[in-house]
C-alpha atoms as a PDB file:
ATOM      1  CA  MET A   1      -6.544  -9.619  19.903  1.00  0.00           C
ATOM      2  CA  ARG A   2      -5.568  -5.968  20.155  1.00  0.00           C
ATOM      3  CA  SER A   3      -7.818  -3.356  18.600  1.00  0.00           C
ATOM      4  CA  LYS A   4      -6.850  -1.266  15.605  1.00  0.00           C
ATOM      5  CA  ALA A   5      -6.444   1.718  17.942  1.00  0.00           C
ATOM      6  CA  HIS A   6      -4.030  -0.222  20.156  1.00  0.00           C
ATOM      7  CA  ARG A   7      -1.976  -1.319  17.154  1.00  0.00           C
ATOM      8  CA  ALA A   8      -1.845   2.261  15.871  1.00  0.00           C
ATOM      9  CA  ALA A   9      -0.754   3.494  19.302  1.00  0.00           C
ATOM     10  CA  ALA A  10       1.983   0.853  19.428  1.00  0.00           C
ATOM     11  CA  ARG A  11       3.263   1.887  16.006  1.00  0.00           C
ATOM     12  CA  GLU A  12       3.300   5.538  17.049  1.00  0.00           C
ATOM     13  CA  ALA A  13       5.176   4.683  20.251  1.00  0.00           C
ATOM     14  CA  GLY A  14       7.727   2.800  18.174  1.00  0.00           C
ATOM     15  CA  ARG A  15       8.179   5.765  15.861  1.00  0.00           C
ATOM     16  CA  ARG A  16       8.700   8.121  18.779  1.00  0.00           C
ATOM     17  CA  GLU A  17      11.232   5.770  20.314  1.00  0.00           C
ATOM     18  CA  GLN A  18      13.271   5.871  17.113  1.00  0.00           C
ATOM     19  CA  TRP A  19      13.768   9.619  17.650  1.00  0.00           C
ATOM     20  CA  ARG A  20      15.100   9.130  21.176  1.00  0.00           C
ATOM     21  CA  ARG A  21      18.798   8.494  21.401  1.00  0.00           C
ATOM     22  CA  GLY A  22      19.293   4.746  21.569  1.00  0.00           C
ATOM     23  CA  ASP A  23      21.881   2.015  21.190  1.00  0.00           C
ATOM     24  CA  TYR A  24      21.888   0.794  17.594  1.00  0.00           C
ATOM     25  CA  SER A  25      24.524  -1.258  15.843  1.00  0.00           C
ATOM     26  CA  PRO A  26      25.932  -0.141  12.479  1.00  0.00           C
ATOM     27  CA  GLU A  27      24.121  -3.105  10.943  1.00  0.00           C
ATOM     28  CA  ASP A  28      20.801  -1.929  12.416  1.00  0.00           C
ATOM     29  CA  LEU A  29      21.319   1.604  11.095  1.00  0.00           C
ATOM     30  CA  ALA A  30      22.425   0.405   7.655  1.00  0.00           C
ATOM     31  CA  ALA A  31      19.310  -1.762   7.371  1.00  0.00           C
ATOM     32  CA  ALA A  32      17.131   1.181   8.433  1.00  0.00           C
ATOM     33  CA  LEU A  33      18.764   3.459   5.830  1.00  0.00           C
ATOM     34  CA  VAL A  34      17.835   0.949   3.144  1.00  0.00           C
ATOM     35  CA  ALA A  35      14.341   0.356   4.519  1.00  0.00           C
ATOM     36  CA  GLY A  36      13.680   4.097   4.573  1.00  0.00           C
ATOM     37  CA  GLY A  37      14.999   4.643   1.065  1.00  0.00           C
ATOM     38  CA  MET A  38      17.906   6.964   1.926  1.00  0.00           C
ATOM     39  CA  ALA A  39      20.268   4.258   0.657  1.00  0.00           C
ATOM     40  CA  GLY A  40      19.998   0.906  -1.053  1.00  0.00           C
ATOM     41  CA  PRO A  41      19.934  -0.604  -4.524  1.00  0.00           C
ATOM     42  CA  VAL A  42      17.160   1.742  -5.693  1.00  0.00           C
ATOM     43  CA  VAL A  43      16.758   5.371  -4.617  1.00  0.00           C
ATOM     44  CA  SER A  44      14.681   8.197  -6.085  1.00  0.00           C
ATOM     45  CA  HIS A  45      16.891   9.192  -9.018  1.00  0.00           C
ATOM     46  CA  ASP A  46      17.825   6.816 -11.810  1.00  0.00           C
ATOM     47  CA  ARG A  47      20.942   6.914 -13.967  1.00  0.00           C
ATOM     48  CA  THR A  48      19.264   8.927 -16.727  1.00  0.00           C
ATOM     49  CA  ASN A  49      18.368  11.665 -14.265  1.00  0.00           C
ATOM     50  CA  VAL A  50      21.788  11.599 -12.614  1.00  0.00           C
ATOM     51  CA  ARG A  51      23.582  11.864 -15.960  1.00  0.00           C
ATOM     52  CA  TRP A  52      21.313  14.733 -17.009  1.00  0.00           C
ATOM     53  CA  LYS A  53      22.000  16.689 -13.810  1.00  0.00           C
ATOM     54  CA  ILE A  54      25.734  16.003 -14.074  1.00  0.00           C
ATOM     55  CA  ALA A  55      25.697  17.239 -17.677  1.00  0.00           C
ATOM     56  CA  GLN A  56      24.027  20.455 -16.521  1.00  0.00           C
ATOM     57  CA  PHE A  57      26.663  20.913 -13.859  1.00  0.00           C
ATOM     58  CA  ALA A  58      29.611  20.156 -16.159  1.00  0.00           C
ATOM     59  CA  SER A  59      28.268  22.634 -18.728  1.00  0.00           C
ATOM     60  CA  GLY A  60      28.554  25.412 -16.128  1.00  0.00           C
ATOM     61  CA  ASP A  61      24.845  25.776 -15.379  1.00  0.00           C
ATOM     62  CA  THR A  62      24.813  28.130 -12.386  1.00  0.00           C
ATOM     63  CA  LYS A  63      21.605  26.614 -10.996  1.00  0.00           C
ATOM     64  CA  ALA A  64      23.346  23.257 -10.713  1.00  0.00           C
ATOM     65  CA  GLN A  65      26.301  24.796  -8.852  1.00  0.00           C
ATOM     66  CA  PHE A  66      24.212  25.871  -5.829  1.00  0.00           C
ATOM     67  CA  GLY A  67      25.940  29.244  -5.616  1.00  0.00           C
ATOM     68  CA  ILE A  68      29.452  27.842  -5.296  1.00  0.00           C
ATOM     69  CA  SER A  69      32.031  29.507  -7.532  1.00  0.00           C
ATOM     70  CA  GLY A  70      35.394  28.221  -8.699  1.00  0.00           C
ATOM     71  CA  LEU A  71      34.317  24.629  -9.231  1.00  0.00           C
ATOM     72  CA  GLY A  72      36.461  24.505 -12.336  1.00  0.00           C
ATOM     73  CA  ALA A  73      36.134  22.888 -15.730  1.00  0.00           C
ATOM     74  CA  VAL A  74      35.272  19.253 -15.140  1.00  0.00           C
ATOM     75  CA  THR A  75      34.001  16.639 -17.547  1.00  0.00           C
ATOM     76  CA  GLU A  76      30.825  14.655 -17.052  1.00  0.00           C
ATOM     77  CA  GLY A  77      32.928  11.529 -16.566  1.00  0.00           C
ATOM     78  CA  GLU A  78      35.014  13.159 -13.846  1.00  0.00           C
ATOM     79  CA  VAL A  79      31.921  14.311 -11.998  1.00  0.00           C
ATOM     80  CA  MET A  80      30.318  10.884 -12.299  1.00  0.00           C
ATOM     81  CA  ASP A  81      33.465   9.327 -10.826  1.00  0.00           C
ATOM     82  CA  LEU A  82      33.322  11.731  -7.882  1.00  0.00           C
ATOM     83  CA  MET A  83      29.651  10.953  -7.236  1.00  0.00           C
ATOM     84  CA  ALA A  84      30.330   7.231  -7.490  1.00  0.00           C
ATOM     85  CA  GLY A  85      33.155   7.551  -4.991  1.00  0.00           C
ATOM     86  CA  ALA A  86      30.903   9.428  -2.570  1.00  0.00           C
ATOM     87  CA  ALA A  87      27.886   7.120  -2.857  1.00  0.00           C
ATOM     88  CA  GLY A  88      29.501   3.764  -3.554  1.00  0.00           C
ATOM     89  CA  PHE A  89      28.132   2.884  -6.986  1.00  0.00           C
ATOM     90  CA  ASP A  90      29.786   1.742 -10.216  1.00  0.00           C
ATOM     91  CA  PRO A  91      30.079   4.741 -12.561  1.00  0.00           C
ATOM     92  CA  ALA A  92      30.425   2.471 -15.603  1.00  0.00           C
ATOM     93  CA  SER A  93      27.311   0.393 -14.916  1.00  0.00           C
ATOM     94  CA  THR A  94      24.554   0.294 -17.522  1.00  0.00           C
ATOM     95  CA  GLU A  95      21.867  -0.506 -14.955  1.00  0.00           C
ATOM     96  CA  ALA A  96      19.040   2.017 -14.681  1.00  0.00           C
ATOM     97  CA  ALA A  97      19.327   2.336 -10.911  1.00  0.00           C
ATOM     98  CA  VAL A  98      22.004   4.362  -9.154  1.00  0.00           C
ATOM     99  CA  PRO A  99      22.460   2.660  -5.780  1.00  0.00           C
ATOM    100  CA  VAL A 100      23.689   4.310  -2.595  1.00  0.00           C
ATOM    101  CA  ASP A 101      25.751   2.094  -0.316  1.00  0.00           C
ATOM    102  CA  PRO A 102      24.781   2.572   3.354  1.00  0.00           C
ATOM    103  CA  ALA A 103      28.377   1.720   4.267  1.00  0.00           C
ATOM    104  CA  TYR A 104      29.333   5.023   2.629  1.00  0.00           C
ATOM    105  CA  VAL A 105      26.538   7.005   4.311  1.00  0.00           C
ATOM    106  CA  LEU A 106      27.196   5.979   7.914  1.00  0.00           C
ATOM    107  CA  PRO A 107      30.801   7.272   8.136  1.00  0.00           C
ATOM    108  CA  ARG A 108      29.705  10.662   6.798  1.00  0.00           C
ATOM    109  CA  LEU A 109      26.868  10.795   9.342  1.00  0.00           C
ATOM    110  CA  ALA A 110      29.350   9.944  12.101  1.00  0.00           C
ATOM    111  CA  GLU A 111      31.688  12.673  10.841  1.00  0.00           C
ATOM    112  CA  ALA A 112      28.775  15.123  10.856  1.00  0.00           C
ATOM    113  CA  GLY A 113      27.941  14.077  14.405  1.00  0.00           C
ATOM    114  CA  GLU A 114      31.503  14.727  15.536  1.00  0.00           C
ATOM    115  CA  ARG A 115      31.539  18.198  14.005  1.00  0.00           C
ATOM    116  CA  LEU A 116      28.122  19.051  15.438  1.00  0.00           C
ATOM    117  CA  ALA A 117      29.066  17.749  18.892  1.00  0.00           C
ATOM    118  CA  ASP A 118      32.232  19.842  18.798  1.00  0.00           C
ATOM    119  CA  ALA A 119      30.209  22.913  17.809  1.00  0.00           C
ATOM    120  CA  ALA A 120      27.881  22.339  20.754  1.00  0.00           C
ATOM    121  CA  ALA A 121      30.813  21.905  23.144  1.00  0.00           C
ATOM    122  CA  ARG A 122      32.206  25.233  21.938  1.00  0.00           C
ATOM    123  CA  ARG A 123      28.760  26.860  22.338  1.00  0.00           C
ATOM    124  CA  SER A 124      28.830  27.836  18.690  1.00  0.00           C
ATOM    125  CA  ARG A 125      26.141  29.515  16.635  1.00  0.00           C
ATOM    126  CA  VAL A 126      24.604  26.963  14.247  1.00  0.00           C
ATOM    127  CA  LEU A 127      22.247  27.615  11.339  1.00  0.00           C
ATOM    128  CA  LEU A 128      19.969  24.853  10.045  1.00  0.00           C
ATOM    129  CA  ALA A 129      18.229  25.222   6.675  1.00  0.00           C
ATOM    130  CA  THR A 130      16.596  23.046   4.032  1.00  0.00           C
ATOM    131  CA  GLY A 131      15.395  23.287   0.470  1.00  0.00           C
ATOM    132  CA  HIS A 132      13.483  20.024   1.046  1.00  0.00           C
ATOM    133  CA  PRO A 133      11.003  21.097   3.740  1.00  0.00           C
ATOM    134  CA  VAL A 134       8.808  18.007   3.436  1.00  0.00           C
ATOM    135  CA  GLY A 135      11.778  15.659   3.549  1.00  0.00           C
ATOM    136  CA  LEU A 136      14.623  16.718   5.808  1.00  0.00           C
ATOM    137  CA  VAL A 137      12.972  19.112   8.271  1.00  0.00           C
ATOM    138  CA  GLN A 138      12.391  16.499  10.981  1.00  0.00           C
ATOM    139  CA  LEU A 139      16.023  15.375  10.893  1.00  0.00           C
ATOM    140  CA  TYR A 140      17.356  18.928  11.101  1.00  0.00           C
ATOM    141  CA  GLY A 141      14.877  19.798  13.845  1.00  0.00           C
ATOM    142  CA  ALA A 142      15.882  16.785  15.940  1.00  0.00           C
ATOM    143  CA  VAL A 143      19.570  17.590  15.482  1.00  0.00           C
ATOM    144  CA  GLY A 144      18.800  21.184  16.467  1.00  0.00           C
ATOM    145  CA  GLU A 145      17.295  20.033  19.751  1.00  0.00           C
ATOM    146  CA  LEU A 146      20.359  17.887  20.365  1.00  0.00           C
ATOM    147  CA  LEU A 147      22.635  20.847  19.671  1.00  0.00           C
ATOM    148  CA  VAL A 148      20.788  23.119  22.082  1.00  0.00           C
ATOM    149  CA  GLU A 149      20.751  20.434  24.782  1.00  0.00           C
ATOM    150  CA  HIS A 150      24.561  20.308  24.559  1.00  0.00           C
ATOM    151  CA  GLY A 151      25.245  24.041  24.540  1.00  0.00           C
ATOM    152  CA  ALA A 152      24.956  25.338  20.962  1.00  0.00           C
ATOM    153  CA  ARG A 153      22.751  28.240  19.940  1.00  0.00           C
ATOM    154  CA  LEU A 154      20.557  28.076  16.856  1.00  0.00           C
ATOM    155  CA  THR A 155      20.501  31.271  14.827  1.00  0.00           C
ATOM    156  CA  ARG A 156      17.411  32.463  12.952  1.00  0.00           C
ATOM    157  CA  PRO A 157      18.492  35.202  10.520  1.00  0.00           C
ATOM    158  CA  LEU A 158      15.826  36.890   8.417  1.00  0.00           C
ATOM    159  CA  GLU A 159      13.033  35.142  10.345  1.00  0.00           C
ATOM    160  CA  GLY A 160       9.674  36.235   8.975  1.00  0.00           C
ATOM    161  CA  VAL A 161      11.229  38.675   6.520  1.00  0.00           C
ATOM    162  CA  GLY A 162       9.746  38.728   3.031  1.00  0.00           C
ATOM    163  CA  TRP A 163      10.723  40.104  -0.362  1.00  0.00           C
ATOM    164  CA  ARG A 164       9.544  40.002  -3.961  1.00  0.00           C
ATOM    165  CA  ASP A 165      11.331  37.747  -6.432  1.00  0.00           C
ATOM    166  CA  VAL A 166      10.222  38.228 -10.051  1.00  0.00           C
ATOM    167  CA  GLY A 167       6.964  39.646  -8.733  1.00  0.00           C
ATOM    168  CA  ARG A 168       6.288  36.802  -6.290  1.00  0.00           C
ATOM    169  CA  TRP A 169       6.467  36.943  -2.521  1.00  0.00           C
ATOM    170  CA  ARG A 170       9.154  34.941  -0.770  1.00  0.00           C
ATOM    171  CA  GLN A 171       9.706  34.690   2.967  1.00  0.00           C
ATOM    172  CA  ILE A 172      12.019  32.827   5.352  1.00  0.00           C
ATOM    173  CA  ARG A 173      10.211  30.930   8.076  1.00  0.00           C
ATOM    174  CA  TYR A 174      11.520  28.567  10.741  1.00  0.00           C
ATOM    175  CA  VAL A 175       9.970  25.283  11.857  1.00  0.00           C
ATOM    176  CA  ASN A 176      11.564  23.790  14.970  1.00  0.00           C
ATOM    177  CA  GLY A 177      14.585  26.022  14.389  1.00  0.00           C
ATOM    178  CA  VAL A 178      14.992  25.026  10.726  1.00  0.00           C
ATOM    179  CA  ALA A 179      14.915  27.719   8.032  1.00  0.00           C
ATOM    180  CA  MET A 180      12.975  27.200   4.836  1.00  0.00           C
ATOM    181  CA  LEU A 181      11.796  29.296   1.942  1.00  0.00           C
ATOM    182  CA  THR A 182       8.062  29.944   1.722  1.00  0.00           C
ATOM    183  CA  ASP A 183       5.644  31.898  -0.428  1.00  0.00           C
ATOM    184  CA  ARG A 184       4.018  32.992   2.867  1.00  0.00           C
ATOM    185  CA  GLY A 185       1.467  30.218   2.444  1.00  0.00           C
ATOM    186  CA  SER A 186       3.469  27.086   1.710  1.00  0.00           C
ATOM    187  CA  ALA A 187       6.998  25.798   2.242  1.00  0.00           C
ATOM    188  CA  MET A 188       8.931  25.591  -1.016  1.00  0.00           C
ATOM    189  CA  HIS A 189      11.334  23.122  -2.566  1.00  0.00           C
ATOM    190  CA  THR A 190      14.273  25.180  -3.801  1.00  0.00           C
ATOM    191  CA  HIS A 191      17.814  24.750  -5.098  1.00  0.00           C
ATOM    192  CA  SER A 192      18.499  28.502  -5.090  1.00  0.00           C
ATOM    193  CA  ALA A 193      21.393  30.004  -3.152  1.00  0.00           C
ATOM    194  CA  GLY A 194      19.666  33.394  -3.073  1.00  0.00           C
ATOM    195  CA  PRO A 195      17.694  32.925   0.171  1.00  0.00           C
ATOM    196  CA  MET A 196      20.795  31.867   2.117  1.00  0.00           C
ATOM    197  CA  ARG A 197      22.770  34.782   0.714  1.00  0.00           C
ATOM    198  CA  ARG A 198      20.120  37.104   2.130  1.00  0.00           C
ATOM    199  CA  MET A 199      20.151  35.262   5.451  1.00  0.00           C
ATOM    200  CA  LEU A 200      23.935  35.428   5.798  1.00  0.00           C
ATOM    201  CA  GLU A 201      23.973  39.097   4.898  1.00  0.00           C
ATOM    202  CA  ALA A 202      21.407  39.775   7.614  1.00  0.00           C
ATOM    203  CA  ALA A 203      23.343  37.612  10.082  1.00  0.00           C
ATOM    204  CA  ALA A 204      26.586  39.483   9.385  1.00  0.00           C
ATOM    205  CA  GLY A 205      24.828  42.805   9.821  1.00  0.00           C
ATOM    206  CA  SER A 206      23.555  41.816  13.248  1.00  0.00           C
ATOM    207  CA  GLY A 207      26.848  40.255  14.382  1.00  0.00           C
ATOM    208  CA  GLU A 208      25.270  36.776  14.340  1.00  0.00           C
ATOM    209  CA  ARG A 209      27.263  35.124  11.566  1.00  0.00           C
ATOM    210  CA  PRO A 210      26.916  31.355  12.100  1.00  0.00           C
ATOM    211  CA  ASP A 211      29.948  29.307  13.048  1.00  0.00           C
ATOM    212  CA  LEU A 212      28.510  26.185  11.426  1.00  0.00           C
ATOM    213  CA  VAL A 213      25.777  25.493   8.877  1.00  0.00           C
ATOM    214  CA  PHE A 214      23.966  22.183   8.401  1.00  0.00           C
ATOM    215  CA  ALA A 215      21.933  22.392   5.202  1.00  0.00           C
ATOM    216  CA  ASP A 216      21.299  21.203   1.658  1.00  0.00           C
ATOM    217  CA  HIS A 217      20.927  22.574  -1.871  1.00  0.00           C
ATOM    218  CA  GLY A 218      21.618  26.289  -2.296  1.00  0.00           C
ATOM    219  CA  PHE A 219      21.335  26.884   1.442  1.00  0.00           C
ATOM    220  CA  ALA A 220      24.495  24.797   1.834  1.00  0.00           C
ATOM    221  CA  GLY A 221      26.100  26.148  -1.329  1.00  0.00           C
ATOM    222  CA  ALA A 222      25.818  29.803  -0.305  1.00  0.00           C
ATOM    223  CA  ALA A 223      27.346  29.013   3.088  1.00  0.00           C
ATOM    224  CA  ILE A 224      30.245  27.151   1.454  1.00  0.00           C
ATOM    225  CA  GLU A 225      30.768  30.108  -0.861  1.00  0.00           C
ATOM    226  CA  GLU A 226      30.982  32.424   2.168  1.00  0.00           C
ATOM    227  CA  GLY A 227      33.683  30.253   3.719  1.00  0.00           C
ATOM    228  CA  ILE A 228      31.482  29.100   6.595  1.00  0.00           C
ATOM    229  CA  GLU A 229      32.080  25.616   7.957  1.00  0.00           C
ATOM    230  CA  THR A 230      29.258  23.609   6.377  1.00  0.00           C
ATOM    231  CA  ILE A 231      27.849  20.112   6.614  1.00  0.00           C
ATOM    232  CA  SER A 232      25.896  19.288   3.459  1.00  0.00           C
ATOM    233  CA  ILE A 233      23.329  16.674   2.533  1.00  0.00           C
ATOM    234  CA  ALA A 234      23.370  15.949  -1.207  1.00  0.00           C
ATOM    235  CA  ASP A 235      21.400  13.542  -3.354  1.00  0.00           C
ATOM    236  CA  VAL A 236      23.124  11.463  -6.030  1.00  0.00           C
ATOM    237  CA  ASN A 237      22.021  14.004  -8.652  1.00  0.00           C
ATOM    238  CA  ASP A 238      23.371  17.040  -6.736  1.00  0.00           C
ATOM    239  CA  PRO A 239      27.095  17.092  -7.585  1.00  0.00           C
ATOM    240  CA  ALA A 240      28.022  20.634  -6.501  1.00  0.00           C
ATOM    241  CA  PRO A 241      28.850  19.924  -2.827  1.00  0.00           C
ATOM    242  CA  VAL A 242      30.736  16.753  -3.756  1.00  0.00           C
ATOM    243  CA  VAL A 243      32.888  18.572  -6.311  1.00  0.00           C
ATOM    244  CA  ALA A 244      33.411  21.401  -3.802  1.00  0.00           C
ATOM    245  CA  ALA A 245      34.664  18.848  -1.264  1.00  0.00           C
ATOM    246  CA  ALA A 246      37.025  17.330  -3.829  1.00  0.00           C
ATOM    247  CA  LEU A 247      38.471  20.819  -4.385  1.00  0.00           C
ATOM    248  CA  GLY A 248      38.910  21.434  -0.651  1.00  0.00           C
ATOM    249  CA  LYS A 249      36.158  24.062  -0.407  1.00  0.00           C
ATOM    250  CA  THR A 250      34.158  22.055   2.135  1.00  0.00           C
ATOM    251  CA  ARG A 251      34.528  18.806   4.010  1.00  0.00           C
ATOM    252  CA  THR A 252      31.544  16.770   5.170  1.00  0.00           C
ATOM    253  CA  VAL A 253      29.054  15.898   2.428  1.00  0.00           C
ATOM    254  CA  ILE A 254      26.481  13.190   3.165  1.00  0.00           C
ATOM    255  CA  VAL A 255      25.321  11.642  -0.113  1.00  0.00           C
ATOM    256  CA  MET A 256      21.940   9.958   0.283  1.00  0.00           C
ATOM    257  CA  ASP A 257      18.356  10.382  -0.889  1.00  0.00           C
ATOM    258  CA  ASP A 258      17.281  13.787   0.398  1.00  0.00           C
ATOM    259  CA  ASN A 259      13.515  13.539   0.009  1.00  0.00           C
ATOM    260  CA  VAL A 260      11.971  10.463   1.593  1.00  0.00           C
ATOM    261  CA  GLU A 261       9.343  10.412   4.349  1.00  0.00           C
ATOM    262  CA  PRO A 262      10.498  12.750   7.156  1.00  0.00           C
ATOM    263  CA  GLY A 263      10.132  10.109   9.860  1.00  0.00           C
ATOM    264  CA  ASP A 264      12.323   7.651   7.961  1.00  0.00           C
ATOM    265  CA  TYR A 265      15.434   9.748   8.635  1.00  0.00           C
ATOM    266  CA  TRP A 266      15.601   8.470  12.214  1.00  0.00           C
ATOM    267  CA  PRO A 267      18.714   6.274  11.599  1.00  0.00           C
ATOM    268  CA  CYS A 268      20.512   9.419  10.403  1.00  0.00           C
ATOM    269  CA  TYR A 269      19.609  11.100  13.686  1.00  0.00           C
ATOM    270  CA  GLN A 270      20.794   8.077  15.671  1.00  0.00           C
ATOM    271  CA  ALA A 271      24.146   7.969  13.837  1.00  0.00           C
ATOM    272  CA  ILE A 272      24.667  11.677  14.528  1.00  0.00           C
ATOM    273  CA  ALA A 273      23.457  11.545  18.141  1.00  0.00           C
ATOM    274  CA  ALA A 274      25.852   8.689  18.914  1.00  0.00           C
ATOM    275  CA  ARG A 275      28.778  11.110  18.502  1.00  0.00           C
ATOM    276  CA  PHE A 276      27.505  13.420  21.243  1.00  0.00           C
ATOM    277  CA  PRO A 277      28.410  12.880  24.912  1.00  0.00           C
ATOM    278  CA  ALA A 278      26.223  10.222  26.485  1.00  0.00           C
ATOM    279  CA  PRO A 279      23.491  11.553  28.795  1.00  0.00           C
ATOM    280  CA  SER A 280      24.312  11.380  32.487  1.00  0.00           C
ATOM    281  CA  SER A 281      21.127   9.447  33.238  1.00  0.00           C
ATOM    282  CA  PRO A 282      18.379   7.663  31.275  1.00  0.00           C
ATOM    283  CA  ALA A 283      16.032  10.560  31.914  1.00  0.00           C
ATOM    284  CA  ALA A 284      18.516  13.025  30.453  1.00  0.00           C
ATOM    285  CA  GLY A 285      18.541  11.141  27.193  1.00  0.00           C
ATOM    286  CA  GLU A 286      14.782  11.078  26.742  1.00  0.00           C
ATOM    287  CA  ARG A 287      13.322  13.437  24.223  1.00  0.00           C
ATOM    288  CA  ALA A 288      10.074  13.670  22.356  1.00  0.00           C
ATOM    289  CA  ALA A 289       9.955  13.256  18.618  1.00  0.00           C
ATOM    290  CA  PRO A 290       9.864  16.687  16.999  1.00  0.00           C
ATOM    291  CA  PRO A 291       6.406  17.560  15.689  1.00  0.00           C
ATOM    292  CA  ALA A 292       5.800  17.416  11.958  1.00  0.00           C
ATOM    293  CA  PRO A 293       5.601  20.820  10.261  1.00  0.00           C
ATOM    294  CA  ARG A 294       2.140  22.252   9.799  1.00  0.00           C
ATOM    295  CA  ALA A 295       1.016  23.839   6.582  1.00  0.00           C
END
């Protein structure tokens, strides 16, 4: 019988292998999306929460619009229909849960992979940013490594720069090439578009405006508002990017749970990585799992 230490080492090796580009079927990836909680019959936000957030958005609440203007006058029902069409659930259901169909997630991940692979081939400047630093940072970091391996350059505008916001310190820091808002002591969950506005202003001033942004929440919204090609991740209760896509303001929006365990996003990485050119040899495709962020 193997010792507890051996079993733990085997589990860790398995986790690391998931973050190396592999050969997975769509069925394998769909099952992993459900197992990790990004998709499936039950995700983090129930129908009461989703309806509440949609009502905020439809009422014109600027916080719910993630910094995107011109989203128009839409009813709650129209927004719910758009979210249902993006996530694959029944908008008229009376069930408490709001499911996310993995069959809707995988094509958007593949589309994101194609756009990211094209950006790398063109040696573009790419900016990665998250308002969910304890959820999505490992996925963005792994994609960032993939981008750099294939020729892209990650930009880091406003790195380490701080400012006061209503008397409190805020600062942009990067973990594995991924921007996040901090209070100089801890990474912060934020929906605000303000930090990305500052970052893009700094990037424009230095001649480093990104060609492509991969982000969520207000980080994605501010980039969409600036007319920058943007790939967004949006939860089922974050309608702004989905409505923006319906109006032609942006294109690729991946609707899935945006705050599960960081390591569980590995099928998202695999679906994206599959759209990049295959490595020339097995050794070229090997890569270590990105380290978890430290407090």
